[in-house]
């Protein structure tokens, strides 16, 4: 019954965690990952629940 809710809550938590961690990196490390600072939100939005890309 509550599995979809807990799955969505976990996904929301992981996206926020990932967004915070990426914002802590400097611009050189972000460039090594292939993203720029203003692309972090789009990058995180494109992640699936397992951490891979959609």
PDB file of N, CA and C in Angstrom:
ATOM      1  N   UNK A   1       0.813  -1.198   0.000  1.00  0.00           N
ATOM      2  CA  UNK A   1       0.000   0.000   0.000  1.00  0.00           C
ATOM      3  C   UNK A   1       0.855   1.259   0.000  1.00  0.00           C
ATOM      4  N   UNK A   2       1.865   1.310   0.878  1.00  0.00           N
ATOM      5  CA  UNK A   2       2.682   2.507   0.995  1.00  0.00           C
ATOM      6  C   UNK A   2       3.968   2.438   0.179  1.00  0.00           C
ATOM      7  N   UNK A   3       4.161   1.350  -0.546  1.00  0.00           N
ATOM      8  CA  UNK A   3       5.400   1.189  -1.304  1.00  0.00           C
ATOM      9  C   UNK A   3       5.623   2.315  -2.320  1.00  0.00           C
ATOM     10  N   UNK A   4       4.619   2.718  -3.109  1.00  0.00           N
ATOM     11  CA  UNK A   4       4.864   3.820  -4.049  1.00  0.00           C
ATOM     12  C   UNK A   4       5.227   5.130  -3.348  1.00  0.00           C
ATOM     13  N   UNK A   5       4.639   5.380  -2.194  1.00  0.00           N
ATOM     14  CA  UNK A   5       4.944   6.605  -1.457  1.00  0.00           C
ATOM     15  C   UNK A   5       6.376   6.567  -0.944  1.00  0.00           C
ATOM     16  N   UNK A   6       6.775   5.447  -0.363  1.00  0.00           N
ATOM     17  CA  UNK A   6       8.136   5.355   0.152  1.00  0.00           C
ATOM     18  C   UNK A   6       9.157   5.396  -0.975  1.00  0.00           C
ATOM     19  N   UNK A   7       8.817   4.813  -2.128  1.00  0.00           N
ATOM     20  CA  UNK A   7       9.728   4.851  -3.273  1.00  0.00           C
ATOM     21  C   UNK A   7       9.911   6.291  -3.768  1.00  0.00           C
ATOM     22  N   UNK A   8       8.818   7.035  -3.852  1.00  0.00           N
ATOM     23  CA  UNK A   8       8.903   8.431  -4.292  1.00  0.00           C
ATOM     24  C   UNK A   8       9.638   9.285  -3.271  1.00  0.00           C
ATOM     25  N   UNK A   9       9.421   9.040  -1.981  1.00  0.00           N
ATOM     26  CA  UNK A   9      10.121   9.781  -0.937  1.00  0.00           C
ATOM     27  C   UNK A   9      11.618   9.499  -0.995  1.00  0.00           C
ATOM     28  N   UNK A  10      11.974   8.243  -1.197  1.00  0.00           N
ATOM     29  CA  UNK A  10      13.388   7.890  -1.311  1.00  0.00           C
ATOM     30  C   UNK A  10      14.018   8.552  -2.541  1.00  0.00           C
ATOM     31  N   UNK A  11      13.314   8.543  -3.656  1.00  0.00           N
ATOM     32  CA  UNK A  11      13.839   9.177  -4.874  1.00  0.00           C
ATOM     33  C   UNK A  11      14.012  10.675  -4.663  1.00  0.00           C
ATOM     34  N   UNK A  12      13.046  11.317  -4.004  1.00  0.00           N
ATOM     35  CA  UNK A  12      13.152  12.755  -3.715  1.00  0.00           C
ATOM     36  C   UNK A  12      14.364  13.035  -2.834  1.00  0.00           C
ATOM     37  N   UNK A  13      14.550  12.201  -1.811  1.00  0.00           N
ATOM     38  CA  UNK A  13      15.695  12.363  -0.910  1.00  0.00           C
ATOM     39  C   UNK A  13      17.014  12.192  -1.664  1.00  0.00           C
ATOM     40  N   UNK A  14      17.107  11.208  -2.534  1.00  0.00           N
ATOM     41  CA  UNK A  14      18.341  10.973  -3.271  1.00  0.00           C
ATOM     42  C   UNK A  14      18.632  12.096  -4.259  1.00  0.00           C
ATOM     43  N   UNK A  15      17.595  12.651  -4.897  1.00  0.00           N
ATOM     44  CA  UNK A  15      17.819  13.790  -5.796  1.00  0.00           C
ATOM     45  C   UNK A  15      18.322  14.998  -5.027  1.00  0.00           C
ATOM     46  N   UNK A  16      17.746  15.276  -3.850  1.00  0.00           N
ATOM     47  CA  UNK A  16      18.211  16.411  -3.047  1.00  0.00           C
ATOM     48  C   UNK A  16      19.627  16.191  -2.539  1.00  0.00           C
ATOM     49  N   UNK A  17      19.939  14.969  -2.115  1.00  0.00           N
ATOM     50  CA  UNK A  17      21.282  14.639  -1.667  1.00  0.00           C
ATOM     51  C   UNK A  17      22.288  14.834  -2.800  1.00  0.00           C
ATOM     52  N   UNK A  18      21.955  14.342  -3.986  1.00  0.00           N
ATOM     53  CA  UNK A  18      22.837  14.471  -5.147  1.00  0.00           C
ATOM     54  C   UNK A  18      23.017  15.935  -5.530  1.00  0.00           C
ATOM     55  N   UNK A  19      21.941  16.705  -5.506  1.00  0.00           N
ATOM     56  CA  UNK A  19      22.020  18.128  -5.832  1.00  0.00           C
ATOM     57  C   UNK A  19      22.928  18.861  -4.852  1.00  0.00           C
ATOM     58  N   UNK A  20      22.797  18.568  -3.554  1.00  0.00           N
ATOM     59  CA  UNK A  20      23.655  19.217  -2.550  1.00  0.00           C
ATOM     60  C   UNK A  20      25.113  18.848  -2.750  1.00  0.00           C
ATOM     61  N   UNK A  21      25.372  17.563  -3.018  1.00  0.00           N
ATOM     62  CA  UNK A  21      26.764  17.126  -3.202  1.00  0.00           C
ATOM     63  C   UNK A  21      27.386  17.746  -4.451  1.00  0.00           C
ATOM     64  N   UNK A  22      26.635  17.833  -5.544  1.00  0.00           N
ATOM     65  CA  UNK A  22      27.168  18.442  -6.755  1.00  0.00           C
ATOM     66  C   UNK A  22      27.412  19.932  -6.561  1.00  0.00           C
ATOM     67  N   UNK A  23      26.564  20.600  -5.802  1.00  0.00           N
ATOM     68  CA  UNK A  23      26.768  22.025  -5.543  1.00  0.00           C
ATOM     69  C   UNK A  23      28.002  22.288  -4.693  1.00  0.00           C
ATOM     70  N   UNK A  24      28.471  21.291  -3.947  1.00  0.00           N
ATOM     71  CA  UNK A  24      29.679  21.460  -3.133  1.00  0.00           C
ATOM     72  C   UNK A  24      30.958  21.365  -3.967  1.00  0.00           C
ATOM     73  N   UNK A  25      30.877  20.786  -5.169  1.00  0.00           N
ATOM     74  CA  UNK A  25      32.061  20.627  -6.012  1.00  0.00           C
ATOM     75  C   UNK A  25      32.445  21.957  -6.648  1.00  0.00           C
ATOM     76  N   UNK A  26      33.738  22.102  -6.940  1.00  0.00           N
ATOM     77  CA  UNK A  26      34.155  23.311  -7.646  1.00  0.00           C
ATOM     78  C   UNK A  26      33.928  23.137  -9.151  1.00  0.00           C
ATOM     79  N   UNK A  27      34.083  24.225  -9.882  1.00  0.00           N
ATOM     80  CA  UNK A  27      33.773  24.225 -11.313  1.00  0.00           C
ATOM     81  C   UNK A  27      34.661  23.269 -12.107  1.00  0.00           C
ATOM     82  N   UNK A  28      35.903  23.080 -11.670  1.00  0.00           N
ATOM     83  CA  UNK A  28      36.812  22.180 -12.390  1.00  0.00           C
ATOM     84  C   UNK A  28      36.348  20.727 -12.265  1.00  0.00           C
ATOM     85  N   UNK A  29      35.920  20.331 -11.077  1.00  0.00           N
ATOM     86  CA  UNK A  29      35.433  18.964 -10.904  1.00  0.00           C
ATOM     87  C   UNK A  29      34.120  18.743 -11.653  1.00  0.00           C
ATOM     88  N   UNK A  30      33.260  19.752 -11.647  1.00  0.00           N
ATOM     89  CA  UNK A  30      32.022  19.636 -12.422  1.00  0.00           C
ATOM     90  C   UNK A  30      32.321  19.490 -13.907  1.00  0.00           C
ATOM     91  N   UNK A  31      33.308  20.223 -14.387  1.00  0.00           N
ATOM     92  CA  UNK A  31      33.693  20.116 -15.801  1.00  0.00           C
ATOM     93  C   UNK A  31      34.227  18.726 -16.107  1.00  0.00           C
ATOM     94  N   UNK A  32      34.939  18.112 -15.168  1.00  0.00           N
ATOM     95  CA  UNK A  32      35.412  16.737 -15.355  1.00  0.00           C
ATOM     96  C   UNK A  32      34.244  15.771 -15.496  1.00  0.00           C
ATOM     97  N   UNK A  33      33.133  16.072 -14.826  1.00  0.00           N
ATOM     98  CA  UNK A  33      31.936  15.244 -14.930  1.00  0.00           C
ATOM     99  C   UNK A  33      31.125  15.554 -16.177  1.00  0.00           C
ATOM    100  N   UNK A  34      31.458  16.648 -16.843  1.00  0.00           N
ATOM    101  CA  UNK A  34      30.775  17.006 -18.077  1.00  0.00           C
ATOM    102  C   UNK A  34      29.557  17.885 -17.881  1.00  0.00           C
ATOM    103  N   UNK A  35      29.445  18.531 -16.722  1.00  0.00           N
ATOM    104  CA  UNK A  35      28.318  19.430 -16.489  1.00  0.00           C
ATOM    105  C   UNK A  35      28.829  20.769 -15.979  1.00  0.00           C
ATOM    106  N   UNK A  36      28.031  21.784 -16.148  1.00  0.00           N
ATOM    107  CA  UNK A  36      28.335  23.115 -15.618  1.00  0.00           C
ATOM    108  C   UNK A  36      27.404  23.383 -14.451  1.00  0.00           C
ATOM    109  N   UNK A  37      27.755  24.363 -13.647  1.00  0.00           N
ATOM    110  CA  UNK A  37      26.996  24.639 -12.433  1.00  0.00           C
ATOM    111  C   UNK A  37      25.516  24.902 -12.716  1.00  0.00           C
ATOM    112  N   UNK A  38      25.212  25.612 -13.784  1.00  0.00           N
ATOM    113  CA  UNK A  38      23.807  25.915 -14.078  1.00  0.00           C
ATOM    114  C   UNK A  38      23.057  24.726 -14.663  1.00  0.00           C
ATOM    115  N   UNK A  39      23.726  23.611 -14.891  1.00  0.00           N
ATOM    116  CA  UNK A  39      23.088  22.407 -15.420  1.00  0.00           C
ATOM    117  C   UNK A  39      22.812  21.363 -14.340  1.00  0.00           C
ATOM    118  N   UNK A  40      23.160  21.662 -13.099  1.00  0.00           N
ATOM    119  CA  UNK A  40      23.027  20.672 -12.027  1.00  0.00           C
ATOM    120  C   UNK A  40      21.576  20.234 -11.861  1.00  0.00           C
ATOM    121  N   UNK A  41      20.640  21.169 -11.829  1.00  0.00           N
ATOM    122  CA  UNK A  41      19.233  20.812 -11.641  1.00  0.00           C
ATOM    123  C   UNK A  41      18.730  19.929 -12.779  1.00  0.00           C
ATOM    124  N   UNK A  42      19.107  20.256 -14.012  1.00  0.00           N
ATOM    125  CA  UNK A  42      18.694  19.432 -15.150  1.00  0.00           C
ATOM    126  C   UNK A  42      19.325  18.037 -15.084  1.00  0.00           C
ATOM    127  N   UNK A  43      20.572  17.975 -14.675  1.00  0.00           N
ATOM    128  CA  UNK A  43      21.265  16.688 -14.554  1.00  0.00           C
ATOM    129  C   UNK A  43      20.590  15.810 -13.504  1.00  0.00           C
ATOM    130  N   UNK A  44      20.300  16.393 -12.349  1.00  0.00           N
ATOM    131  CA  UNK A  44      19.679  15.630 -11.267  1.00  0.00           C
ATOM    132  C   UNK A  44      18.265  15.205 -11.659  1.00  0.00           C
ATOM    133  N   UNK A  45      17.537  16.046 -12.370  1.00  0.00           N
ATOM    134  CA  UNK A  45      16.189  15.697 -12.806  1.00  0.00           C
ATOM    135  C   UNK A  45      16.210  14.523 -13.775  1.00  0.00           C
ATOM    136  N   UNK A  46      17.314  14.335 -14.490  1.00  0.00           N
ATOM    137  CA  UNK A  46      17.419  13.253 -15.452  1.00  0.00           C
ATOM    138  C   UNK A  46      17.886  11.939 -14.862  1.00  0.00           C
ATOM    139  N   UNK A  47      18.116  11.883 -13.546  1.00  0.00           N
ATOM    140  CA  UNK A  47      18.536  10.640 -12.915  1.00  0.00           C
ATOM    141  C   UNK A  47      17.341   9.755 -12.607  1.00  0.00           C
ATOM    142  N   UNK A  48      17.530   8.443 -12.739  1.00  0.00           N
ATOM    143  CA  UNK A  48      16.461   7.535 -12.329  1.00  0.00           C
ATOM    144  C   UNK A  48      16.715   7.092 -10.874  1.00  0.00           C
ATOM    145  N   UNK A  49      15.903   6.224 -10.353  1.00  0.00           N
ATOM    146  CA  UNK A  49      15.987   5.843  -8.945  1.00  0.00           C
ATOM    147  C   UNK A  49      17.285   5.151  -8.585  1.00  0.00           C
ATOM    148  N   UNK A  50      17.918   4.460  -9.526  1.00  0.00           N
ATOM    149  CA  UNK A  50      19.126   3.721  -9.233  1.00  0.00           C
ATOM    150  C   UNK A  50      20.380   4.557  -9.386  1.00  0.00           C
ATOM    151  N   UNK A  51      20.241   5.812  -9.799  1.00  0.00           N
ATOM    152  CA  UNK A  51      21.391   6.682  -9.978  1.00  0.00           C
ATOM    153  C   UNK A  51      21.905   6.728 -11.402  1.00  0.00           C
ATOM    154  N   UNK A  52      21.353   5.951 -12.286  1.00  0.00           N
ATOM    155  CA  UNK A  52      21.754   5.986 -13.693  1.00  0.00           C
ATOM    156  C   UNK A  52      21.052   7.120 -14.429  1.00  0.00           C
ATOM    157  N   UNK A  53      21.351   7.267 -15.686  1.00  0.00           N
ATOM    158  CA  UNK A  53      20.712   8.300 -16.495  1.00  0.00           C
ATOM    159  C   UNK A  53      19.451   7.734 -17.110  1.00  0.00           C
ATOM    160  N   UNK A  54      18.433   8.574 -17.297  1.00  0.00           N
ATOM    161  CA  UNK A  54      17.191   8.166 -17.963  1.00  0.00           C
ATOM    162  C   UNK A  54      17.384   8.107 -19.455  1.00  0.00           C
TER     163      UNK A  54
END
